[in-house]
């Protein structure tokens, strides 16, 4: 496959429609667990969410533009962050490194990451953290080949699942009843001490 000649620039409000098409073409993988519960809502609110992201001052949305066609063929979202609350090591956090399926393996992702490295250099930040969906073997392998190492594993669980796993009732009335029972027991113990 031949390389795609792209230029990377900050996304503009006029790019939102093209970004919606790009994300829909890549199947919006959100992870194996819980993907279905987020999928419909994400697609429904995609245009306004992207418009907000593009106009935001706390993150950068960069787009890769095909020099030949002028089409948006990739995007990356970059934000300032830190590793951990205790260590507070500054990093650039990269999410949504997305390349259109027909332009993959042509240097588009590399161009987007190179632009991210330039942003890090401008801010004198020495580390970049990339987020990849755990179920996306291709994305994880790509990042590993570029030198990204695993940092943490983040897991997600609905509160209803945790309630069942922890033996808690789904009812808030049950939680209130347990609290009252504890208060009554504490009161009885205090009376017994007098």
N, C-alpha and C. Protein backbone atom coordinates (compact mmCIF):
# COMPACT_ATOMS: atom_id res chain seq x y z
N UNK A 1 0.83 -1.19 0.00
CA UNK A 1 0.00 0.00 0.00
C UNK A 1 0.87 1.24 0.00
N UNK A 2 0.44 2.23 -0.73
CA UNK A 2 1.20 3.47 -0.75
C UNK A 2 0.86 4.33 0.46
N UNK A 3 1.80 5.17 0.85
CA UNK A 3 1.61 6.07 1.98
C UNK A 3 0.60 7.15 1.60
N UNK A 4 -0.19 7.55 2.55
CA UNK A 4 -1.10 8.66 2.35
C UNK A 4 -0.38 9.92 2.80
N UNK A 5 -0.37 10.92 1.98
CA UNK A 5 0.24 12.18 2.37
C UNK A 5 -0.82 13.00 3.09
N UNK A 6 -0.54 13.26 4.37
CA UNK A 6 -1.51 13.98 5.19
C UNK A 6 -0.84 15.18 5.85
N UNK A 7 -1.66 16.12 6.20
CA UNK A 7 -1.21 17.21 7.05
C UNK A 7 -2.11 17.17 8.28
N UNK A 8 -1.52 17.48 9.42
CA UNK A 8 -2.26 17.46 10.68
C UNK A 8 -2.45 18.89 11.13
N UNK A 9 -3.67 19.19 11.53
CA UNK A 9 -4.00 20.53 12.00
C UNK A 9 -5.05 20.41 13.10
N UNK A 10 -5.22 21.49 13.90
CA UNK A 10 -6.30 21.47 14.89
C UNK A 10 -7.65 21.38 14.19
N UNK A 11 -8.56 20.63 14.79
CA UNK A 11 -9.90 20.51 14.24
C UNK A 11 -10.63 21.83 14.37
N UNK A 12 -11.51 22.07 13.44
CA UNK A 12 -12.33 23.27 13.43
C UNK A 12 -13.79 22.86 13.51
N UNK A 13 -14.65 23.81 13.85
CA UNK A 13 -16.07 23.50 13.96
C UNK A 13 -16.62 22.92 12.66
N UNK A 14 -16.10 23.36 11.53
CA UNK A 14 -16.55 22.86 10.24
C UNK A 14 -16.17 21.41 9.98
N UNK A 15 -15.30 20.84 10.81
CA UNK A 15 -14.89 19.44 10.67
C UNK A 15 -15.83 18.47 11.36
N UNK A 16 -16.77 18.97 12.15
CA UNK A 16 -17.60 18.10 12.98
C UNK A 16 -18.33 17.04 12.15
N UNK A 17 -18.95 17.42 11.05
CA UNK A 17 -19.68 16.45 10.23
C UNK A 17 -18.75 15.36 9.71
N UNK A 18 -17.54 15.74 9.28
CA UNK A 18 -16.57 14.75 8.80
C UNK A 18 -16.10 13.85 9.93
N UNK A 19 -15.95 14.40 11.14
CA UNK A 19 -15.54 13.59 12.29
C UNK A 19 -16.62 12.59 12.68
N UNK A 20 -17.88 13.00 12.58
CA UNK A 20 -18.99 12.07 12.84
C UNK A 20 -18.91 10.90 11.86
N UNK A 21 -18.72 11.20 10.58
CA UNK A 21 -18.61 10.13 9.57
C UNK A 21 -17.40 9.23 9.85
N UNK A 22 -16.28 9.83 10.23
CA UNK A 22 -15.07 9.07 10.54
C UNK A 22 -15.32 8.10 11.70
N UNK A 23 -15.90 8.61 12.78
CA UNK A 23 -16.14 7.75 13.95
C UNK A 23 -17.17 6.67 13.65
N UNK A 24 -18.18 6.98 12.90
CA UNK A 24 -19.18 5.95 12.53
C UNK A 24 -18.55 4.88 11.64
N UNK A 25 -17.61 5.26 10.78
CA UNK A 25 -16.96 4.30 9.88
C UNK A 25 -16.03 3.36 10.63
N UNK A 26 -15.58 3.79 11.82
CA UNK A 26 -14.65 2.95 12.59
C UNK A 26 -15.36 2.12 13.64
N UNK A 27 -16.67 2.13 13.67
CA UNK A 27 -17.48 1.26 14.51
C UNK A 27 -17.43 1.61 15.99
N UNK A 28 -16.88 2.74 16.37
CA UNK A 28 -16.91 3.24 17.75
C UNK A 28 -16.72 2.16 18.81
N UNK A 29 -15.67 1.40 18.72
CA UNK A 29 -15.45 0.36 19.72
C UNK A 29 -15.23 1.01 21.08
N UNK A 30 -16.03 0.58 22.06
CA UNK A 30 -15.94 1.16 23.38
C UNK A 30 -15.47 0.15 24.42
N UNK A 31 -15.16 -1.03 24.04
CA UNK A 31 -14.71 -2.03 24.99
C UNK A 31 -15.67 -3.19 25.02
N UNK A 32 -15.18 -4.33 25.43
CA UNK A 32 -15.99 -5.53 25.45
C UNK A 32 -17.12 -5.43 26.47
N UNK A 33 -16.79 -5.03 27.69
CA UNK A 33 -17.80 -4.94 28.74
C UNK A 33 -18.49 -3.59 28.67
N UNK A 34 -19.76 -3.59 28.62
CA UNK A 34 -20.51 -2.35 28.68
C UNK A 34 -20.63 -1.58 27.38
N UNK A 35 -20.10 -2.11 26.30
CA UNK A 35 -20.14 -1.36 25.04
C UNK A 35 -21.57 -1.08 24.61
N UNK A 36 -22.43 -2.06 24.78
CA UNK A 36 -23.81 -1.88 24.32
C UNK A 36 -24.53 -0.78 25.08
N UNK A 37 -24.24 -0.65 26.39
CA UNK A 37 -24.96 0.35 27.17
C UNK A 37 -24.55 1.77 26.80
N UNK A 38 -23.34 1.95 26.24
CA UNK A 38 -22.89 3.28 25.86
C UNK A 38 -23.11 3.57 24.38
N UNK A 39 -23.20 2.56 23.56
CA UNK A 39 -23.20 2.71 22.10
C UNK A 39 -24.31 3.63 21.59
N UNK A 40 -25.56 3.35 21.94
CA UNK A 40 -26.68 4.12 21.39
C UNK A 40 -26.60 5.57 21.82
N UNK A 41 -26.33 5.83 23.09
CA UNK A 41 -26.26 7.20 23.59
C UNK A 41 -25.10 7.95 22.95
N UNK A 42 -23.98 7.29 22.76
CA UNK A 42 -22.82 7.93 22.16
C UNK A 42 -23.12 8.35 20.73
N UNK A 43 -23.70 7.47 19.95
CA UNK A 43 -24.01 7.77 18.55
C UNK A 43 -25.04 8.89 18.46
N UNK A 44 -26.03 8.85 19.32
CA UNK A 44 -27.09 9.86 19.29
C UNK A 44 -26.54 11.26 19.57
N UNK A 45 -25.61 11.38 20.50
CA UNK A 45 -25.08 12.68 20.90
C UNK A 45 -23.73 13.02 20.28
N UNK A 46 -23.30 12.23 19.31
CA UNK A 46 -21.99 12.42 18.72
C UNK A 46 -21.76 13.81 18.12
N UNK A 47 -22.68 14.35 17.31
CA UNK A 47 -22.41 15.68 16.73
C UNK A 47 -22.20 16.77 17.78
N UNK A 48 -23.09 16.83 18.78
CA UNK A 48 -22.90 17.90 19.77
C UNK A 48 -21.71 17.63 20.68
N UNK A 49 -21.41 16.36 20.95
CA UNK A 49 -20.23 16.05 21.77
C UNK A 49 -18.95 16.46 21.04
N UNK A 50 -18.87 16.15 19.76
CA UNK A 50 -17.70 16.54 18.97
C UNK A 50 -17.59 18.05 18.85
N UNK A 51 -18.71 18.74 18.67
CA UNK A 51 -18.69 20.20 18.60
C UNK A 51 -18.15 20.78 19.90
N UNK A 52 -18.55 20.20 21.02
CA UNK A 52 -18.05 20.67 22.32
C UNK A 52 -16.55 20.40 22.44
N UNK A 53 -16.12 19.23 22.02
CA UNK A 53 -14.70 18.88 22.11
C UNK A 53 -13.84 19.81 21.25
N UNK A 54 -14.31 20.11 20.05
CA UNK A 54 -13.55 20.96 19.13
C UNK A 54 -13.43 22.38 19.68
N UNK A 55 -14.47 22.85 20.34
CA UNK A 55 -14.44 24.22 20.86
C UNK A 55 -13.86 24.32 22.27
N UNK A 56 -13.54 23.20 22.89
CA UNK A 56 -13.03 23.18 24.25
C UNK A 56 -11.62 23.74 24.34
N UNK A 57 -11.32 24.37 25.45
CA UNK A 57 -9.98 24.89 25.68
C UNK A 57 -9.12 23.95 26.50
N UNK A 58 -9.72 22.90 27.07
CA UNK A 58 -8.94 21.99 27.91
C UNK A 58 -8.48 20.73 27.18
N UNK A 59 -8.72 20.67 25.88
CA UNK A 59 -8.21 19.54 25.08
C UNK A 59 -7.99 20.01 23.65
N UNK A 60 -7.21 19.24 22.93
CA UNK A 60 -6.95 19.54 21.52
C UNK A 60 -7.45 18.37 20.69
N UNK A 61 -8.23 18.67 19.69
CA UNK A 61 -8.63 17.66 18.71
C UNK A 61 -7.84 17.98 17.46
N UNK A 62 -7.00 17.04 17.06
CA UNK A 62 -6.21 17.20 15.84
C UNK A 62 -6.79 16.30 14.77
N UNK A 63 -6.78 16.77 13.55
CA UNK A 63 -7.28 15.97 12.43
C UNK A 63 -6.19 15.79 11.40
N UNK A 64 -6.22 14.63 10.74
CA UNK A 64 -5.32 14.35 9.62
C UNK A 64 -6.13 14.55 8.34
N UNK A 65 -5.62 15.40 7.48
CA UNK A 65 -6.30 15.72 6.22
C UNK A 65 -5.50 15.11 5.07
N UNK A 66 -6.17 14.33 4.23
CA UNK A 66 -5.54 13.75 3.05
C UNK A 66 -5.24 14.88 2.08
N UNK A 67 -3.96 15.06 1.72
CA UNK A 67 -3.56 16.14 0.81
C UNK A 67 -4.22 16.02 -0.56
N UNK A 68 -4.45 14.80 -1.01
CA UNK A 68 -5.03 14.60 -2.33
C UNK A 68 -6.50 14.94 -2.40
N UNK A 69 -7.28 14.41 -1.45
CA UNK A 69 -8.73 14.59 -1.50
C UNK A 69 -9.24 15.71 -0.61
N UNK A 70 -8.46 16.09 0.40
CA UNK A 70 -8.92 17.09 1.35
C UNK A 70 -9.82 16.54 2.43
N UNK A 71 -10.00 15.21 2.44
CA UNK A 71 -10.88 14.57 3.41
C UNK A 71 -10.19 14.39 4.76
N UNK A 72 -11.01 14.41 5.82
CA UNK A 72 -10.53 14.07 7.15
C UNK A 72 -10.40 12.54 7.20
N UNK A 73 -9.17 12.06 7.42
CA UNK A 73 -8.94 10.61 7.41
C UNK A 73 -8.47 10.09 8.77
N UNK A 74 -8.33 10.99 9.74
CA UNK A 74 -7.93 10.56 11.07
C UNK A 74 -8.10 11.66 12.07
N UNK A 75 -8.13 11.27 13.34
CA UNK A 75 -8.22 12.25 14.42
C UNK A 75 -7.54 11.71 15.65
N UNK A 76 -7.21 12.63 16.55
CA UNK A 76 -6.66 12.27 17.85
C UNK A 76 -7.10 13.35 18.82
N UNK A 77 -7.42 12.95 20.04
CA UNK A 77 -7.81 13.89 21.09
C UNK A 77 -6.70 13.89 22.13
N UNK A 78 -6.19 15.08 22.44
CA UNK A 78 -5.05 15.23 23.35
C UNK A 78 -5.44 16.19 24.47
N UNK A 79 -5.14 15.80 25.72
CA UNK A 79 -5.40 16.68 26.85
C UNK A 79 -4.27 16.60 27.86
N UNK A 80 -4.10 17.68 28.61
CA UNK A 80 -3.11 17.70 29.69
C UNK A 80 -3.66 16.84 30.84
N UNK A 81 -2.77 16.10 31.46
CA UNK A 81 -3.18 15.21 32.55
C UNK A 81 -1.97 14.96 33.42
N UNK A 82 -2.13 14.09 34.40
CA UNK A 82 -1.01 13.66 35.22
C UNK A 82 -1.20 12.19 35.53
N UNK A 83 -0.09 11.53 35.82
CA UNK A 83 -0.16 10.12 36.19
C UNK A 83 -0.33 10.07 37.70
N UNK A 84 -1.47 9.63 38.13
CA UNK A 84 -1.75 9.45 39.54
C UNK A 84 -2.00 10.74 40.29
N UNK A 85 -2.74 10.61 41.35
CA UNK A 85 -3.02 11.76 42.20
C UNK A 85 -1.87 12.03 43.16
N UNK A 86 -1.13 11.00 43.53
CA UNK A 86 -0.04 11.18 44.47
C UNK A 86 1.22 11.65 43.75
N UNK A 87 1.60 10.96 42.67
CA UNK A 87 2.84 11.29 41.96
C UNK A 87 2.71 12.58 41.16
N UNK A 88 1.58 12.81 40.53
CA UNK A 88 1.31 13.99 39.72
C UNK A 88 2.41 14.26 38.69
N UNK A 89 2.79 13.25 37.94
CA UNK A 89 3.74 13.41 36.84
C UNK A 89 2.96 13.91 35.63
N UNK A 90 3.31 15.08 35.08
CA UNK A 90 2.54 15.61 33.95
C UNK A 90 2.71 14.74 32.70
N UNK A 91 1.60 14.54 32.02
CA UNK A 91 1.59 13.77 30.76
C UNK A 91 0.60 14.42 29.81
N UNK A 92 0.75 14.08 28.55
CA UNK A 92 -0.32 14.37 27.58
C UNK A 92 -1.10 13.08 27.45
N UNK A 93 -2.39 13.16 27.62
CA UNK A 93 -3.26 12.00 27.52
C UNK A 93 -3.86 11.95 26.13
N UNK A 94 -3.65 10.85 25.43
CA UNK A 94 -4.14 10.67 24.07
C UNK A 94 -5.31 9.69 24.10
N UNK A 95 -6.44 10.14 23.58
CA UNK A 95 -7.59 9.24 23.41
C UNK A 95 -8.09 9.39 21.99
N UNK A 96 -8.86 8.46 21.57
CA UNK A 96 -9.51 8.51 20.26
C UNK A 96 -8.53 8.72 19.11
N UNK A 97 -7.48 7.93 19.10
CA UNK A 97 -6.62 7.88 17.92
C UNK A 97 -7.37 7.03 16.91
N UNK A 98 -7.95 7.70 15.94
CA UNK A 98 -8.85 7.04 14.99
C UNK A 98 -8.37 7.32 13.57
N UNK A 99 -8.27 6.26 12.77
CA UNK A 99 -7.91 6.39 11.36
C UNK A 99 -8.96 5.66 10.55
N UNK A 100 -9.41 6.29 9.48
CA UNK A 100 -10.44 5.64 8.65
C UNK A 100 -9.91 4.30 8.15
N UNK A 101 -10.77 3.30 8.09
CA UNK A 101 -10.33 1.95 7.70
C UNK A 101 -9.56 1.90 6.38
N UNK A 102 -9.95 2.67 5.39
CA UNK A 102 -9.26 2.61 4.09
C UNK A 102 -7.92 3.34 4.08
N UNK A 103 -7.59 4.07 5.16
CA UNK A 103 -6.31 4.78 5.22
C UNK A 103 -5.36 4.21 6.27
N UNK A 104 -5.70 3.07 6.83
CA UNK A 104 -4.83 2.47 7.84
C UNK A 104 -3.59 1.88 7.18
N UNK A 105 -2.53 1.80 7.97
CA UNK A 105 -1.23 1.27 7.53
C UNK A 105 -0.62 2.14 6.42
N UNK A 106 -0.92 3.43 6.48
CA UNK A 106 -0.37 4.36 5.49
C UNK A 106 0.28 5.58 6.14
N UNK A 107 0.53 5.52 7.45
CA UNK A 107 1.23 6.58 8.13
C UNK A 107 0.37 7.67 8.76
N UNK A 108 -0.96 7.51 8.72
CA UNK A 108 -1.85 8.54 9.26
C UNK A 108 -1.74 8.58 10.79
N UNK A 109 -1.80 7.42 11.44
CA UNK A 109 -1.67 7.37 12.89
C UNK A 109 -0.32 7.90 13.35
N UNK A 110 0.70 7.57 12.62
CA UNK A 110 2.05 8.05 12.92
C UNK A 110 2.13 9.57 12.83
N UNK A 111 1.49 10.16 11.82
CA UNK A 111 1.48 11.61 11.67
C UNK A 111 0.73 12.28 12.83
N UNK A 112 -0.38 11.68 13.26
CA UNK A 112 -1.14 12.23 14.38
C UNK A 112 -0.33 12.15 15.68
N UNK A 113 0.36 11.03 15.88
CA UNK A 113 1.19 10.90 17.08
C UNK A 113 2.40 11.82 17.03
N UNK A 114 2.97 12.04 15.85
CA UNK A 114 4.09 12.97 15.71
C UNK A 114 3.65 14.39 16.10
N UNK A 115 2.45 14.78 15.70
CA UNK A 115 1.93 16.09 16.09
C UNK A 115 1.74 16.16 17.60
N UNK A 116 1.36 15.05 18.21
CA UNK A 116 1.21 15.00 19.67
C UNK A 116 2.56 15.16 20.36
N UNK A 117 3.59 14.54 19.80
CA UNK A 117 4.94 14.69 20.35
C UNK A 117 5.37 16.16 20.28
N UNK A 118 5.04 16.84 19.20
CA UNK A 118 5.38 18.27 19.08
C UNK A 118 4.65 19.10 20.15
N UNK A 119 3.37 18.75 20.43
CA UNK A 119 2.65 19.44 21.50
C UNK A 119 3.33 19.19 22.85
N UNK A 120 3.76 17.96 23.09
CA UNK A 120 4.45 17.62 24.35
C UNK A 120 5.75 18.41 24.46
N UNK A 121 6.49 18.50 23.36
CA UNK A 121 7.74 19.26 23.37
C UNK A 121 7.48 20.74 23.68
N UNK A 122 6.44 21.31 23.10
CA UNK A 122 6.11 22.71 23.35
C UNK A 122 5.79 22.96 24.83
N UNK A 123 5.16 21.98 25.46
CA UNK A 123 4.77 22.11 26.86
C UNK A 123 5.83 21.58 27.82
N UNK A 124 6.93 21.09 27.27
CA UNK A 124 8.01 20.47 28.04
C UNK A 124 7.49 19.31 28.90
N UNK A 125 6.64 18.49 28.29
CA UNK A 125 6.10 17.29 28.94
C UNK A 125 6.82 16.09 28.35
N UNK A 126 7.32 15.23 29.22
CA UNK A 126 8.17 14.13 28.78
C UNK A 126 7.45 12.82 28.50
N UNK A 127 6.18 12.70 28.88
CA UNK A 127 5.49 11.43 28.71
C UNK A 127 4.13 11.62 28.07
N UNK A 128 3.76 10.64 27.26
CA UNK A 128 2.44 10.61 26.62
C UNK A 128 1.77 9.30 27.03
N UNK A 129 0.53 9.40 27.46
CA UNK A 129 -0.26 8.23 27.84
C UNK A 129 -1.33 8.05 26.78
N UNK A 130 -1.43 6.86 26.23
CA UNK A 130 -2.43 6.57 25.19
C UNK A 130 -3.46 5.58 25.74
N UNK A 131 -4.70 5.83 25.42
CA UNK A 131 -5.79 4.95 25.84
C UNK A 131 -6.21 4.12 24.63
N UNK A 132 -6.27 2.82 24.85
CA UNK A 132 -6.75 1.91 23.80
C UNK A 132 -7.78 0.97 24.41
N UNK A 133 -8.78 0.63 23.66
CA UNK A 133 -9.80 -0.30 24.11
C UNK A 133 -9.15 -1.66 24.34
N UNK A 134 -9.44 -2.27 25.48
CA UNK A 134 -8.79 -3.55 25.81
C UNK A 134 -9.07 -4.61 24.76
N UNK A 135 -10.25 -4.59 24.16
CA UNK A 135 -10.60 -5.61 23.18
C UNK A 135 -10.04 -5.36 21.78
N UNK A 136 -9.39 -4.23 21.58
CA UNK A 136 -8.85 -3.92 20.26
C UNK A 136 -7.40 -4.37 20.18
N UNK A 137 -7.22 -5.58 19.74
CA UNK A 137 -5.88 -6.15 19.63
C UNK A 137 -5.01 -5.33 18.68
N UNK A 138 -5.60 -4.87 17.58
CA UNK A 138 -4.85 -4.10 16.58
C UNK A 138 -4.31 -2.79 17.18
N UNK A 139 -5.17 -2.06 17.91
CA UNK A 139 -4.75 -0.79 18.51
C UNK A 139 -3.69 -1.01 19.57
N UNK A 140 -3.86 -2.03 20.39
CA UNK A 140 -2.89 -2.31 21.45
C UNK A 140 -1.54 -2.73 20.87
N UNK A 141 -1.56 -3.53 19.84
CA UNK A 141 -0.30 -3.93 19.20
C UNK A 141 0.40 -2.74 18.55
N UNK A 142 -0.38 -1.88 17.91
CA UNK A 142 0.17 -0.70 17.26
C UNK A 142 0.89 0.18 18.28
N UNK A 143 0.22 0.46 19.39
CA UNK A 143 0.82 1.30 20.42
C UNK A 143 2.05 0.64 21.02
N UNK A 144 2.01 -0.67 21.22
CA UNK A 144 3.17 -1.38 21.78
C UNK A 144 4.37 -1.29 20.83
N UNK A 145 4.12 -1.43 19.52
CA UNK A 145 5.21 -1.32 18.55
C UNK A 145 5.87 0.05 18.58
N UNK A 146 5.11 1.08 18.92
CA UNK A 146 5.65 2.43 18.98
C UNK A 146 6.36 2.73 20.31
N UNK A 147 6.28 1.81 21.26
CA UNK A 147 6.99 2.00 22.53
C UNK A 147 6.10 2.26 23.73
N UNK A 148 4.78 2.25 23.56
CA UNK A 148 3.89 2.42 24.71
C UNK A 148 3.86 1.13 25.52
N UNK A 149 4.00 1.26 26.82
CA UNK A 149 3.97 0.12 27.72
C UNK A 149 2.70 0.19 28.57
N UNK A 150 2.20 -0.95 29.04
CA UNK A 150 1.01 -0.92 29.91
C UNK A 150 1.30 -0.11 31.18
N UNK A 151 0.33 0.66 31.60
CA UNK A 151 0.49 1.48 32.81
C UNK A 151 -0.48 1.00 33.89
N UNK A 152 -1.75 0.99 33.60
CA UNK A 152 -2.77 0.53 34.53
C UNK A 152 -3.86 -0.17 33.72
N UNK A 153 -4.68 -0.92 34.42
CA UNK A 153 -5.87 -1.49 33.82
C UNK A 153 -7.04 -0.85 34.52
N UNK A 154 -7.90 -0.18 33.78
CA UNK A 154 -9.11 0.42 34.35
C UNK A 154 -10.26 -0.51 34.04
N UNK A 155 -11.05 -0.78 35.03
CA UNK A 155 -12.21 -1.65 34.85
C UNK A 155 -13.48 -0.87 35.17
N UNK A 156 -14.57 -1.28 34.56
CA UNK A 156 -15.84 -0.60 34.76
C UNK A 156 -16.89 -1.60 35.18
N UNK A 157 -17.78 -1.18 36.07
CA UNK A 157 -18.89 -2.03 36.50
C UNK A 157 -20.08 -1.14 36.83
N UNK A 158 -21.25 -1.52 36.36
CA UNK A 158 -22.46 -0.79 36.76
C UNK A 158 -22.69 -0.96 38.27
N UNK A 159 -23.24 0.05 38.90
CA UNK A 159 -23.49 -0.05 40.34
C UNK A 159 -24.44 -1.20 40.66
N UNK A 160 -25.37 -1.50 39.77
CA UNK A 160 -26.29 -2.63 40.03
C UNK A 160 -25.53 -3.95 40.13
N UNK A 161 -24.49 -4.11 39.30
CA UNK A 161 -23.67 -5.33 39.35
C UNK A 161 -22.88 -5.36 40.66
N UNK A 162 -22.31 -4.23 41.04
CA UNK A 162 -21.56 -4.18 42.30
C UNK A 162 -22.45 -4.44 43.51
N UNK A 163 -23.67 -3.91 43.48
CA UNK A 163 -24.60 -4.17 44.59
C UNK A 163 -24.81 -5.67 44.77
N UNK A 164 -25.06 -6.36 43.66
CA UNK A 164 -25.27 -7.82 43.73
C UNK A 164 -24.01 -8.52 44.21
N UNK A 165 -22.84 -8.15 43.64
CA UNK A 165 -21.58 -8.79 44.00
C UNK A 165 -21.21 -8.56 45.46
N UNK A 166 -21.55 -7.40 45.98
CA UNK A 166 -21.22 -7.07 47.37
C UNK A 166 -22.31 -7.47 48.35
N UNK A 167 -23.38 -8.05 47.82
CA UNK A 167 -24.47 -8.48 48.69
C UNK A 167 -25.35 -7.35 49.16
N UNK A 168 -25.34 -6.25 48.43
CA UNK A 168 -26.19 -5.11 48.77
C UNK A 168 -27.50 -5.22 48.02
N UNK A 169 -28.55 -4.69 48.61
CA UNK A 169 -29.84 -4.67 47.94
C UNK A 169 -29.86 -3.55 46.92
N UNK A 170 -30.65 -3.71 45.88
CA UNK A 170 -30.80 -2.66 44.88
C UNK A 170 -31.64 -1.51 45.40
N UNK A 171 -32.31 -1.72 46.51
CA UNK A 171 -33.23 -0.71 47.02
C UNK A 171 -32.52 0.27 47.94
N UNK A 172 -32.74 1.55 47.73
CA UNK A 172 -32.17 2.56 48.63
C UNK A 172 -32.85 2.48 49.99
N UNK A 173 -34.12 1.97 50.02
CA UNK A 173 -34.81 1.80 51.30
C UNK A 173 -34.07 0.78 52.16
N UNK A 174 -33.54 -0.27 51.52
CA UNK A 174 -32.79 -1.30 52.26
C UNK A 174 -31.52 -0.69 52.88
N UNK A 175 -30.82 0.15 52.13
CA UNK A 175 -29.62 0.81 52.65
C UNK A 175 -29.98 1.70 53.83
N UNK A 176 -31.08 2.46 53.72
CA UNK A 176 -31.52 3.32 54.81
C UNK A 176 -31.89 2.50 56.03
N UNK A 177 -32.54 1.36 55.82
CA UNK A 177 -32.91 0.47 56.92
C UNK A 177 -31.68 -0.07 57.64
N UNK A 178 -30.65 -0.45 56.88
CA UNK A 178 -29.41 -0.95 57.48
C UNK A 178 -28.74 0.15 58.30
N UNK A 179 -28.75 1.37 57.80
CA UNK A 179 -28.16 2.49 58.55
C UNK A 179 -28.89 2.72 59.86
N UNK A 180 -30.22 2.70 59.81
CA UNK A 180 -31.01 2.89 61.03
C UNK A 180 -30.74 1.77 62.03
N UNK A 181 -30.61 0.53 61.54
CA UNK A 181 -30.33 -0.60 62.43
C UNK A 181 -28.98 -0.41 63.12
N UNK A 182 -27.98 0.08 62.40
CA UNK A 182 -26.67 0.34 63.00
C UNK A 182 -26.76 1.42 64.07
N UNK A 183 -27.51 2.45 63.79
CA UNK A 183 -27.66 3.55 64.75
C UNK A 183 -28.36 3.05 66.01
N UNK A 184 -29.39 2.24 65.84
CA UNK A 184 -30.11 1.68 66.98
C UNK A 184 -29.17 0.79 67.80
N UNK A 185 -28.37 -0.06 67.12
CA UNK A 185 -27.42 -0.92 67.84
C UNK A 185 -26.40 -0.11 68.61
N UNK A 186 -25.88 0.95 67.99
CA UNK A 186 -24.91 1.82 68.68
C UNK A 186 -25.55 2.46 69.90
N UNK A 187 -26.79 2.89 69.73
CA UNK A 187 -27.52 3.51 70.86
C UNK A 187 -27.73 2.52 71.99
N UNK A 188 -28.07 1.26 71.65
CA UNK A 188 -28.28 0.22 72.67
C UNK A 188 -26.98 -0.10 73.39
N UNK A 189 -25.87 -0.13 72.67
CA UNK A 189 -24.56 -0.38 73.29
C UNK A 189 -24.19 0.75 74.23
N UNK A 190 -24.49 1.98 73.81
CA UNK A 190 -24.17 3.14 74.64
C UNK A 190 -25.00 3.11 75.92
N UNK A 191 -26.27 2.74 75.83
CA UNK A 191 -27.15 2.66 77.01
C UNK A 191 -26.66 1.55 77.94
N UNK A 192 -26.19 0.43 77.38
CA UNK A 192 -25.70 -0.68 78.17
C UNK A 192 -24.45 -0.35 78.95
N UNK A 193 -23.68 0.64 78.48
CA UNK A 193 -22.44 1.03 79.15
C UNK A 193 -22.69 1.94 80.35
N UNK A 194 -23.85 2.57 80.37
CA UNK A 194 -24.11 3.55 81.42
C UNK A 194 -24.48 2.87 82.71
